[in-house]
Amino acid sequence: MLSADLDLQGSTTPTSTAIQRLAQSLATSFEQGRVELALFQPPDPLAWNAIAQHIPAAEMQ
């Protein structure tokens, strides 16, 4: 699951990297008093199915 690809601000990144960027942006938001989170787009249902079956999403289409 941590190696699944997510869309983060227009680029594709592994889940583990997206989580790290989100945590860093949360810490920066607290420090600067501004809400600017690096949120990722959740996978669509077809991608979730591919993740659950360990099948690359490109092969599901």
Protein backbone atom coordinates (compact mmCIF):
# COMPACT_ATOMS: atom_id res chain seq x y z
CA MET A 1 0.00 0.00 0.00
CA LEU A 2 2.81 2.45 0.80
CA SER A 3 4.28 2.05 -2.66
CA ALA A 4 0.99 2.76 -4.46
CA ASP A 5 1.07 5.91 -6.59
CA LEU A 6 -0.99 8.98 -5.68
CA ASP A 7 -1.59 12.29 -7.41
CA LEU A 8 0.01 15.02 -5.29
CA GLN A 9 -0.23 18.56 -6.61
CA GLY A 10 -0.07 17.51 -10.25
CA SER A 11 2.61 14.84 -9.97
CA THR A 12 2.58 11.13 -9.22
CA THR A 13 4.28 10.04 -6.03
CA PRO A 14 4.33 6.93 -3.80
CA THR A 15 1.95 6.97 -0.82
CA SER A 16 4.85 7.05 1.65
CA THR A 17 6.24 10.23 0.05
CA ALA A 18 2.79 11.84 -0.10
CA ILE A 19 2.30 11.17 3.62
CA GLN A 20 5.73 12.63 4.42
CA ARG A 21 4.97 15.80 2.40
CA LEU A 22 1.58 16.13 4.10
CA ALA A 23 3.20 15.87 7.55
CA GLN A 24 5.85 18.44 6.61
CA SER A 25 3.22 20.84 5.28
CA LEU A 26 1.18 20.41 8.48
CA ALA A 27 4.22 21.28 10.61
CA THR A 28 4.94 24.32 8.42
CA SER A 29 1.30 25.41 8.72
CA PHE A 30 1.56 25.35 12.51
CA GLU A 31 4.85 27.25 12.46
CA GLN A 32 3.67 29.94 10.05
CA GLY A 33 0.05 30.12 11.20
CA ARG A 34 -1.26 29.47 7.67
CA VAL A 35 -3.17 26.48 6.39
CA GLU A 36 -1.33 25.27 3.28
CA LEU A 37 -1.48 21.49 3.30
CA ALA A 38 0.02 19.27 0.61
CA LEU A 39 -3.10 17.16 0.09
CA PHE A 40 -3.14 14.25 -2.32
CA GLN A 41 -6.02 12.98 -4.42
CA PRO A 42 -7.32 9.63 -3.15
CA PRO A 43 -7.27 6.78 -5.67
CA ASP A 44 -10.45 6.13 -7.63
CA PRO A 45 -12.33 2.84 -7.03
CA LEU A 46 -10.58 1.09 -9.93
CA ALA A 47 -7.17 2.05 -8.54
CA TRP A 48 -8.17 0.86 -5.03
CA ASN A 49 -9.13 -2.48 -6.56
CA ALA A 50 -5.76 -2.71 -8.31
CA ILE A 51 -3.95 -1.84 -5.07
CA ALA A 52 -5.89 -4.50 -3.16
CA GLN A 53 -5.02 -7.11 -5.77
CA HIS A 54 -1.42 -5.91 -6.17
CA ILE A 55 -2.00 -5.23 -9.86
CA PRO A 56 -0.52 -2.12 -11.50
CA ALA A 57 -3.36 0.32 -12.28
CA ALA A 58 -2.23 0.57 -15.91
CA GLU A 59 -3.04 -3.11 -16.38
CA MET A 60 -6.59 -2.65 -15.02
CA GLN A 61 -7.66 -0.32 -17.85
